[in-house]
Amino acid sequence: MIFDDIQEFVEHAEAMGPLMGLDFGDKTIGVAVSDGMRSVASPLETVRRKKFTLDAARLQEIIAHRNIVGIVLGLPRNMDGSEGPRCQKTRAFARNLDRLAPMPITYWDERLSTVAAERALLEADASRARRAEVIDNIAASYILQGALDRLAHLRTGG
């Protein structure tokens, strides 16, 4: 089940349990996970993309191992809010993943998540090699944390 609206997503997701955030790119998929209470997103790993079946198999391993109950997929909108070819690729990936992973999937606007991740890594004085190694899963954690914060706001009636 894919939901464009996070409100619908939360209505169909289990009340508790960890969520997985994904930063889907052409060469990699950044992966982050939340705690079971859905308060903190943590970067987990970067999956080097090969082909969909192999990529999906790795994601399914993570889902099973971490008892993931929902997926938040970063949607790379253009700065004006419109959707371009990257959004189409992301939505196609979500549809394919939905066929394999019977759990709610939603999108989160990922504009500037990579910029924020890069800034955080620069402030941490990470080397260029280290930044390249972890930028995608850090971006995934920014995506997931944004969604978690919104979900917390929805729970408190905001």
N, C-alpha and C. Protein backbone atom coordinates (compact mmCIF):
# COMPACT_ATOMS: atom_id res chain seq x y z
N MET A 1 0.83 -1.18 0.00
CA MET A 1 0.00 0.00 0.00
C MET A 1 0.88 1.24 0.00
N ILE A 2 0.69 2.06 -1.00
CA ILE A 2 1.47 3.29 -1.11
C ILE A 2 0.55 4.48 -0.84
N PHE A 3 1.01 5.37 0.02
CA PHE A 3 0.22 6.53 0.40
C PHE A 3 1.02 7.80 0.12
N ASP A 4 0.43 8.72 -0.63
CA ASP A 4 1.06 10.01 -0.85
C ASP A 4 0.96 10.88 0.39
N ASP A 5 -0.08 10.67 1.18
CA ASP A 5 -0.34 11.48 2.36
C ASP A 5 0.13 10.74 3.61
N ILE A 6 0.96 11.37 4.41
CA ILE A 6 1.50 10.72 5.60
C ILE A 6 0.39 10.43 6.63
N GLN A 7 -0.67 11.23 6.62
CA GLN A 7 -1.80 10.97 7.52
C GLN A 7 -2.43 9.62 7.19
N GLU A 8 -2.63 9.33 5.90
CA GLU A 8 -3.18 8.03 5.50
C GLU A 8 -2.21 6.91 5.83
N PHE A 9 -0.93 7.17 5.63
CA PHE A 9 0.10 6.19 5.94
C PHE A 9 0.01 5.76 7.40
N VAL A 10 -0.07 6.74 8.30
CA VAL A 10 -0.09 6.43 9.73
C VAL A 10 -1.38 5.69 10.12
N GLU A 11 -2.46 5.95 9.41
CA GLU A 11 -3.72 5.26 9.69
C GLU A 11 -3.65 3.78 9.30
N HIS A 12 -2.78 3.44 8.35
CA HIS A 12 -2.66 2.06 7.88
C HIS A 12 -1.45 1.32 8.44
N ALA A 13 -0.54 2.07 9.06
CA ALA A 13 0.66 1.44 9.65
C ALA A 13 0.32 0.92 11.04
N GLU A 14 1.08 -0.05 11.48
CA GLU A 14 0.93 -0.52 12.85
C GLU A 14 1.22 0.65 13.79
N ALA A 15 0.56 0.64 14.94
CA ALA A 15 0.68 1.76 15.87
C ALA A 15 2.10 1.93 16.40
N MET A 16 2.81 0.84 16.58
CA MET A 16 4.19 0.90 17.06
C MET A 16 5.06 0.03 16.16
N GLY A 17 6.33 0.23 16.28
CA GLY A 17 7.29 -0.54 15.51
C GLY A 17 8.14 0.37 14.66
N PRO A 18 9.34 -0.08 14.34
CA PRO A 18 10.29 0.76 13.60
C PRO A 18 9.89 0.98 12.15
N LEU A 19 10.28 2.14 11.66
CA LEU A 19 10.11 2.48 10.25
C LEU A 19 11.48 2.52 9.59
N MET A 20 11.49 2.35 8.28
CA MET A 20 12.72 2.42 7.51
C MET A 20 12.61 3.62 6.57
N GLY A 21 13.66 4.41 6.51
CA GLY A 21 13.74 5.54 5.59
C GLY A 21 14.70 5.21 4.48
N LEU A 22 14.33 5.56 3.25
CA LEU A 22 15.17 5.27 2.10
C LEU A 22 15.45 6.54 1.29
N ASP A 23 16.71 6.72 0.94
CA ASP A 23 17.13 7.77 0.02
C ASP A 23 17.53 7.05 -1.27
N PHE A 24 16.59 6.97 -2.21
CA PHE A 24 16.76 6.20 -3.44
C PHE A 24 17.49 7.03 -4.48
N GLY A 25 18.61 6.51 -4.96
CA GLY A 25 19.39 7.20 -5.98
C GLY A 25 19.71 6.27 -7.14
N ASP A 26 20.37 6.82 -8.14
CA ASP A 26 20.73 6.03 -9.32
C ASP A 26 21.75 4.93 -9.02
N LYS A 27 22.67 5.22 -8.10
CA LYS A 27 23.75 4.26 -7.82
C LYS A 27 23.65 3.61 -6.44
N THR A 28 22.95 4.27 -5.52
CA THR A 28 22.87 3.78 -4.15
C THR A 28 21.47 3.98 -3.58
N ILE A 29 21.23 3.26 -2.49
CA ILE A 29 20.04 3.48 -1.67
C ILE A 29 20.51 3.68 -0.25
N GLY A 30 20.33 4.88 0.27
CA GLY A 30 20.66 5.13 1.67
C GLY A 30 19.55 4.57 2.54
N VAL A 31 19.93 3.90 3.62
CA VAL A 31 18.96 3.25 4.50
C VAL A 31 19.14 3.78 5.93
N ALA A 32 18.01 4.15 6.52
CA ALA A 32 17.98 4.55 7.93
C ALA A 32 16.82 3.82 8.58
N VAL A 33 16.90 3.65 9.89
CA VAL A 33 15.82 3.00 10.63
C VAL A 33 15.50 3.82 11.87
N SER A 34 14.26 3.66 12.34
CA SER A 34 13.87 4.34 13.57
C SER A 34 13.84 3.32 14.70
N ASP A 35 13.75 3.85 15.90
CA ASP A 35 13.51 2.99 17.06
C ASP A 35 12.04 2.59 17.02
N GLY A 36 11.66 1.65 17.87
CA GLY A 36 10.29 1.16 17.89
C GLY A 36 9.27 2.20 18.31
N MET A 37 9.71 3.19 19.06
CA MET A 37 8.80 4.25 19.51
C MET A 37 8.68 5.36 18.46
N ARG A 38 9.48 5.27 17.42
CA ARG A 38 9.47 6.22 16.29
C ARG A 38 9.82 7.64 16.70
N SER A 39 10.86 7.74 17.52
CA SER A 39 11.27 9.08 17.92
C SER A 39 12.60 9.48 17.29
N VAL A 40 13.48 8.52 17.01
CA VAL A 40 14.81 8.84 16.50
C VAL A 40 15.14 8.00 15.27
N ALA A 41 15.62 8.66 14.23
CA ALA A 41 16.09 7.98 13.02
C ALA A 41 17.60 7.83 13.10
N SER A 42 18.09 6.66 12.74
CA SER A 42 19.53 6.41 12.74
C SER A 42 19.96 5.90 11.38
N PRO A 43 21.07 6.44 10.85
CA PRO A 43 21.58 5.91 9.59
C PRO A 43 22.02 4.46 9.77
N LEU A 44 21.77 3.62 8.78
CA LEU A 44 22.11 2.22 8.91
C LEU A 44 23.18 1.79 7.91
N GLU A 45 22.88 1.91 6.63
CA GLU A 45 23.84 1.48 5.62
C GLU A 45 23.50 2.09 4.27
N THR A 46 24.42 1.94 3.35
CA THR A 46 24.20 2.34 1.96
C THR A 46 24.25 1.09 1.11
N VAL A 47 23.17 0.84 0.39
CA VAL A 47 23.10 -0.32 -0.50
C VAL A 47 23.57 0.14 -1.88
N ARG A 48 24.62 -0.49 -2.38
CA ARG A 48 25.09 -0.20 -3.74
C ARG A 48 24.15 -0.89 -4.70
N ARG A 49 23.50 -0.12 -5.55
CA ARG A 49 22.50 -0.68 -6.45
C ARG A 49 23.14 -1.55 -7.52
N LYS A 50 22.49 -2.68 -7.75
CA LYS A 50 22.91 -3.60 -8.80
C LYS A 50 21.75 -3.79 -9.76
N LYS A 51 20.77 -4.57 -9.34
CA LYS A 51 19.51 -4.66 -10.07
C LYS A 51 18.41 -4.79 -9.04
N PHE A 52 17.17 -4.53 -9.44
CA PHE A 52 16.10 -4.41 -8.46
C PHE A 52 15.98 -5.64 -7.57
N THR A 53 16.05 -6.84 -8.14
CA THR A 53 15.84 -8.03 -7.31
C THR A 53 16.90 -8.14 -6.22
N LEU A 54 18.15 -7.81 -6.52
CA LEU A 54 19.21 -7.86 -5.51
C LEU A 54 19.05 -6.74 -4.48
N ASP A 55 18.71 -5.55 -4.97
CA ASP A 55 18.50 -4.42 -4.06
C ASP A 55 17.35 -4.72 -3.11
N ALA A 56 16.24 -5.21 -3.66
CA ALA A 56 15.06 -5.52 -2.86
C ALA A 56 15.34 -6.63 -1.87
N ALA A 57 16.15 -7.61 -2.27
CA ALA A 57 16.48 -8.71 -1.36
C ALA A 57 17.21 -8.17 -0.13
N ARG A 58 18.15 -7.24 -0.34
CA ARG A 58 18.87 -6.66 0.81
C ARG A 58 17.92 -5.86 1.70
N LEU A 59 17.03 -5.10 1.08
CA LEU A 59 16.07 -4.33 1.87
C LEU A 59 15.14 -5.25 2.65
N GLN A 60 14.74 -6.36 2.05
CA GLN A 60 13.88 -7.31 2.75
C GLN A 60 14.60 -7.97 3.92
N GLU A 61 15.91 -8.20 3.79
CA GLU A 61 16.69 -8.72 4.92
C GLU A 61 16.64 -7.74 6.08
N ILE A 62 16.83 -6.47 5.77
CA ILE A 62 16.80 -5.44 6.82
C ILE A 62 15.40 -5.38 7.45
N ILE A 63 14.38 -5.42 6.61
CA ILE A 63 12.99 -5.37 7.10
C ILE A 63 12.73 -6.52 8.07
N ALA A 64 13.14 -7.71 7.68
CA ALA A 64 12.90 -8.89 8.53
C ALA A 64 13.72 -8.81 9.82
N HIS A 65 15.00 -8.47 9.69
CA HIS A 65 15.90 -8.44 10.84
C HIS A 65 15.50 -7.37 11.86
N ARG A 66 15.01 -6.24 11.38
CA ARG A 66 14.69 -5.10 12.25
C ARG A 66 13.20 -4.98 12.57
N ASN A 67 12.40 -5.93 12.07
CA ASN A 67 10.95 -5.90 12.29
C ASN A 67 10.31 -4.59 11.83
N ILE A 68 10.70 -4.14 10.67
CA ILE A 68 10.20 -2.88 10.10
C ILE A 68 8.72 -3.02 9.76
N VAL A 69 7.93 -1.99 10.08
CA VAL A 69 6.48 -2.04 9.83
C VAL A 69 6.02 -1.02 8.79
N GLY A 70 6.92 -0.19 8.28
CA GLY A 70 6.55 0.79 7.27
C GLY A 70 7.79 1.42 6.66
N ILE A 71 7.63 1.97 5.46
CA ILE A 71 8.75 2.55 4.73
C ILE A 71 8.44 4.00 4.37
N VAL A 72 9.41 4.88 4.62
CA VAL A 72 9.33 6.28 4.21
C VAL A 72 10.39 6.47 3.13
N LEU A 73 9.93 6.79 1.95
CA LEU A 73 10.81 6.91 0.78
C LEU A 73 10.94 8.38 0.40
N GLY A 74 12.17 8.86 0.36
CA GLY A 74 12.41 10.25 -0.02
C GLY A 74 11.97 10.50 -1.44
N LEU A 75 11.19 11.56 -1.65
CA LEU A 75 10.72 11.92 -2.98
C LEU A 75 11.47 13.17 -3.43
N PRO A 76 12.30 13.03 -4.45
CA PRO A 76 13.18 14.14 -4.87
C PRO A 76 12.48 15.17 -5.76
N ARG A 77 11.62 15.96 -5.16
CA ARG A 77 10.92 17.01 -5.91
C ARG A 77 11.91 18.08 -6.37
N ASN A 78 11.53 18.79 -7.42
CA ASN A 78 12.30 19.96 -7.85
C ASN A 78 12.10 21.06 -6.82
N MET A 79 12.97 22.05 -6.83
CA MET A 79 12.88 23.11 -5.83
C MET A 79 11.56 23.87 -5.91
N ASP A 80 10.90 23.89 -7.08
CA ASP A 80 9.60 24.57 -7.20
C ASP A 80 8.44 23.66 -6.79
N GLY A 81 8.75 22.45 -6.30
CA GLY A 81 7.72 21.53 -5.84
C GLY A 81 7.21 20.58 -6.90
N SER A 82 7.59 20.80 -8.14
CA SER A 82 7.12 19.93 -9.22
C SER A 82 7.89 18.60 -9.19
N GLU A 83 7.37 17.63 -9.93
CA GLU A 83 8.00 16.32 -9.99
C GLU A 83 8.61 16.11 -11.37
N GLY A 84 9.85 15.69 -11.38
CA GLY A 84 10.55 15.42 -12.62
C GLY A 84 10.84 13.94 -12.78
N PRO A 85 11.78 13.60 -13.67
CA PRO A 85 12.11 12.20 -13.94
C PRO A 85 12.59 11.42 -12.72
N ARG A 86 13.31 12.07 -11.80
CA ARG A 86 13.78 11.36 -10.60
C ARG A 86 12.61 10.93 -9.72
N CYS A 87 11.57 11.76 -9.65
CA CYS A 87 10.36 11.38 -8.89
C CYS A 87 9.69 10.19 -9.54
N GLN A 88 9.64 10.18 -10.87
CA GLN A 88 9.02 9.06 -11.59
C GLN A 88 9.78 7.76 -11.29
N LYS A 89 11.11 7.82 -11.28
CA LYS A 89 11.91 6.63 -10.96
C LYS A 89 11.66 6.17 -9.53
N THR A 90 11.55 7.12 -8.62
CA THR A 90 11.31 6.80 -7.22
C THR A 90 9.94 6.15 -7.04
N ARG A 91 8.94 6.70 -7.71
CA ARG A 91 7.59 6.13 -7.62
C ARG A 91 7.55 4.73 -8.23
N ALA A 92 8.28 4.52 -9.32
CA ALA A 92 8.34 3.18 -9.94
C ALA A 92 9.00 2.19 -8.98
N PHE A 93 10.07 2.63 -8.32
CA PHE A 93 10.74 1.79 -7.33
C PHE A 93 9.77 1.43 -6.21
N ALA A 94 9.00 2.40 -5.74
CA ALA A 94 8.02 2.15 -4.67
C ALA A 94 6.98 1.12 -5.11
N ARG A 95 6.50 1.24 -6.34
CA ARG A 95 5.50 0.27 -6.84
C ARG A 95 6.09 -1.14 -6.88
N ASN A 96 7.33 -1.25 -7.34
CA ASN A 96 7.98 -2.56 -7.39
C ASN A 96 8.21 -3.11 -5.99
N LEU A 97 8.63 -2.26 -5.08
CA LEU A 97 8.87 -2.68 -3.69
C LEU A 97 7.56 -3.08 -3.02
N ASP A 98 6.50 -2.36 -3.34
CA ASP A 98 5.18 -2.64 -2.76
C ASP A 98 4.71 -4.06 -3.10
N ARG A 99 5.08 -4.54 -4.28
CA ARG A 99 4.69 -5.90 -4.68
C ARG A 99 5.39 -6.96 -3.84
N LEU A 100 6.57 -6.60 -3.31
CA LEU A 100 7.37 -7.57 -2.54
C LEU A 100 7.23 -7.41 -1.04
N ALA A 101 7.01 -6.20 -0.59
CA ALA A 101 6.98 -5.90 0.85
C ALA A 101 5.57 -5.45 1.23
N PRO A 102 4.75 -6.35 1.77
CA PRO A 102 3.37 -5.99 2.09
C PRO A 102 3.26 -5.12 3.34
N MET A 103 3.63 -3.86 3.20
CA MET A 103 3.56 -2.92 4.31
C MET A 103 3.33 -1.53 3.75
N PRO A 104 2.85 -0.62 4.57
CA PRO A 104 2.61 0.73 4.07
C PRO A 104 3.91 1.44 3.68
N ILE A 105 3.82 2.16 2.57
CA ILE A 105 4.94 2.96 2.06
C ILE A 105 4.40 4.37 1.86
N THR A 106 5.17 5.35 2.28
CA THR A 106 4.80 6.74 2.02
C THR A 106 6.02 7.49 1.50
N TYR A 107 5.77 8.69 1.02
CA TYR A 107 6.84 9.54 0.50
C TYR A 107 7.06 10.71 1.45
N TRP A 108 8.29 11.19 1.46
CA TRP A 108 8.62 12.39 2.22
C TRP A 108 9.46 13.28 1.33
N ASP A 109 9.11 14.53 1.27
CA ASP A 109 9.83 15.49 0.43
C ASP A 109 11.28 15.55 0.90
N GLU A 110 12.17 15.17 0.02
CA GLU A 110 13.58 15.10 0.43
C GLU A 110 14.40 16.29 -0.03
N ARG A 111 13.74 17.32 -0.52
CA ARG A 111 14.52 18.49 -0.94
C ARG A 111 15.44 18.92 0.19
N LEU A 112 16.67 19.12 -0.13
CA LEU A 112 17.71 19.61 0.79
C LEU A 112 18.18 18.60 1.83
N SER A 113 17.67 17.35 1.81
CA SER A 113 18.14 16.37 2.80
C SER A 113 19.63 16.06 2.58
N THR A 114 20.04 15.93 1.33
CA THR A 114 21.44 15.65 1.05
C THR A 114 22.31 16.85 1.41
N VAL A 115 21.79 18.05 1.17
CA VAL A 115 22.52 19.26 1.54
C VAL A 115 22.71 19.32 3.05
N ALA A 116 21.66 19.01 3.80
CA ALA A 116 21.74 19.01 5.27
C ALA A 116 22.72 17.95 5.75
N ALA A 117 22.68 16.77 5.12
CA ALA A 117 23.59 15.69 5.50
C ALA A 117 25.04 16.09 5.22
N GLU A 118 25.27 16.68 4.07
CA GLU A 118 26.62 17.13 3.70
C GLU A 118 27.12 18.18 4.70
N ARG A 119 26.26 19.10 5.06
CA ARG A 119 26.64 20.15 6.02
C ARG A 119 27.01 19.53 7.37
N ALA A 120 26.21 18.57 7.82
CA ALA A 120 26.49 17.92 9.11
C ALA A 120 27.82 17.18 9.07
N LEU A 121 28.10 16.53 7.95
CA LEU A 121 29.37 15.80 7.83
C LEU A 121 30.55 16.76 7.76
N LEU A 122 30.38 17.89 7.09
CA LEU A 122 31.45 18.89 7.04
C LEU A 122 31.71 19.46 8.44
N GLU A 123 30.63 19.72 9.19
CA GLU A 123 30.79 20.24 10.55
C GLU A 123 31.46 19.22 11.46
N ALA A 124 31.27 17.93 11.14
CA ALA A 124 31.91 16.87 11.92
C ALA A 124 33.34 16.62 11.44
N ASP A 125 33.77 17.41 10.46
CA ASP A 125 35.12 17.31 9.91
C ASP A 125 35.40 15.94 9.29
N ALA A 126 34.37 15.34 8.67
CA ALA A 126 34.54 14.05 8.01
C ALA A 126 35.35 14.24 6.73
N SER A 127 36.21 13.29 6.45
CA SER A 127 37.02 13.37 5.24
C SER A 127 36.13 13.23 4.01
N ARG A 128 36.64 13.63 2.86
CA ARG A 128 35.87 13.51 1.62
C ARG A 128 35.49 12.06 1.37
N ALA A 129 36.40 11.13 1.59
CA ALA A 129 36.11 9.70 1.38
C ALA A 129 35.01 9.23 2.33
N ARG A 130 35.10 9.65 3.59
CA ARG A 130 34.09 9.26 4.57
C ARG A 130 32.72 9.85 4.21
N ARG A 131 32.71 11.11 3.77
CA ARG A 131 31.45 11.75 3.37
C ARG A 131 30.82 10.97 2.23
N ALA A 132 31.60 10.61 1.23
CA ALA A 132 31.07 9.87 0.08
C ALA A 132 30.51 8.52 0.51
N GLU A 133 31.13 7.92 1.52
CA GLU A 133 30.74 6.60 2.01
C GLU A 133 29.39 6.63 2.74
N VAL A 134 29.12 7.70 3.48
CA VAL A 134 27.95 7.71 4.37
C VAL A 134 26.87 8.72 4.00
N ILE A 135 27.10 9.56 2.98
CA ILE A 135 26.16 10.64 2.68
C ILE A 135 24.74 10.13 2.44
N ASP A 136 24.59 9.00 1.76
CA ASP A 136 23.26 8.52 1.42
C ASP A 136 22.48 8.02 2.63
N ASN A 137 23.15 7.29 3.54
CA ASN A 137 22.39 6.83 4.70
C ASN A 137 22.16 7.97 5.70
N ILE A 138 23.02 8.97 5.72
CA ILE A 138 22.77 10.16 6.54
C ILE A 138 21.57 10.92 5.96
N ALA A 139 21.52 11.06 4.64
CA ALA A 139 20.37 11.71 4.00
C ALA A 139 19.09 10.93 4.29
N ALA A 140 19.17 9.60 4.27
CA ALA A 140 18.00 8.77 4.59
C ALA A 140 17.53 9.03 6.02
N SER A 141 18.48 9.25 6.93
CA SER A 141 18.07 9.53 8.32
C SER A 141 17.41 10.90 8.43
N TYR A 142 17.85 11.88 7.63
CA TYR A 142 17.19 13.18 7.62
C TYR A 142 15.76 13.04 7.08
N ILE A 143 15.59 12.25 6.03
CA ILE A 143 14.27 12.00 5.45
C ILE A 143 13.37 11.36 6.50
N LEU A 144 13.87 10.29 7.11
CA LEU A 144 13.07 9.56 8.10
C LEU A 144 12.77 10.43 9.32
N GLN A 145 13.75 11.19 9.79
CA GLN A 145 13.52 12.03 10.97
C GLN A 145 12.46 13.08 10.68
N GLY A 146 12.47 13.64 9.49
CA GLY A 146 11.42 14.60 9.12
C GLY A 146 10.04 13.98 9.21
N ALA A 147 9.92 12.76 8.70
CA ALA A 147 8.63 12.06 8.75
C ALA A 147 8.26 11.71 10.19
N LEU A 148 9.24 11.27 10.99
CA LEU A 148 8.96 10.94 12.40
C LEU A 148 8.47 12.17 13.16
N ASP A 149 9.11 13.31 12.90
CA ASP A 149 8.70 14.55 13.57
C ASP A 149 7.26 14.92 13.18
N ARG A 150 6.93 14.73 11.92
CA ARG A 150 5.57 15.01 11.45
C ARG A 150 4.58 14.05 12.10
N LEU A 151 4.94 12.78 12.19
CA LEU A 151 4.06 11.79 12.82
C LEU A 151 3.82 12.13 14.29
N ALA A 152 4.88 12.57 14.98
CA ALA A 152 4.74 12.97 16.39
C ALA A 152 3.79 14.16 16.51
N HIS A 153 3.92 15.07 15.57
CA HIS A 153 3.05 16.26 15.55
C HIS A 153 1.60 15.84 15.31
N LEU A 154 1.38 14.88 14.43
CA LEU A 154 0.02 14.39 14.15
C LEU A 154 -0.57 13.72 15.39
N ARG A 155 0.29 12.97 16.14
CA ARG A 155 -0.19 12.27 17.35
C ARG A 155 -0.64 13.25 18.42
N THR A 156 0.02 14.41 18.46
CA THR A 156 -0.31 15.39 19.50
C THR A 156 -1.41 16.34 19.03
N GLY A 157 -1.97 16.04 17.87
CA GLY A 157 -3.09 16.83 17.38
C GLY A 157 -2.72 18.08 16.61
N GLY A 158 -1.46 18.14 16.13
CA GLY A 158 -1.03 19.34 15.42
C GLY A 158 -1.22 19.30 13.95
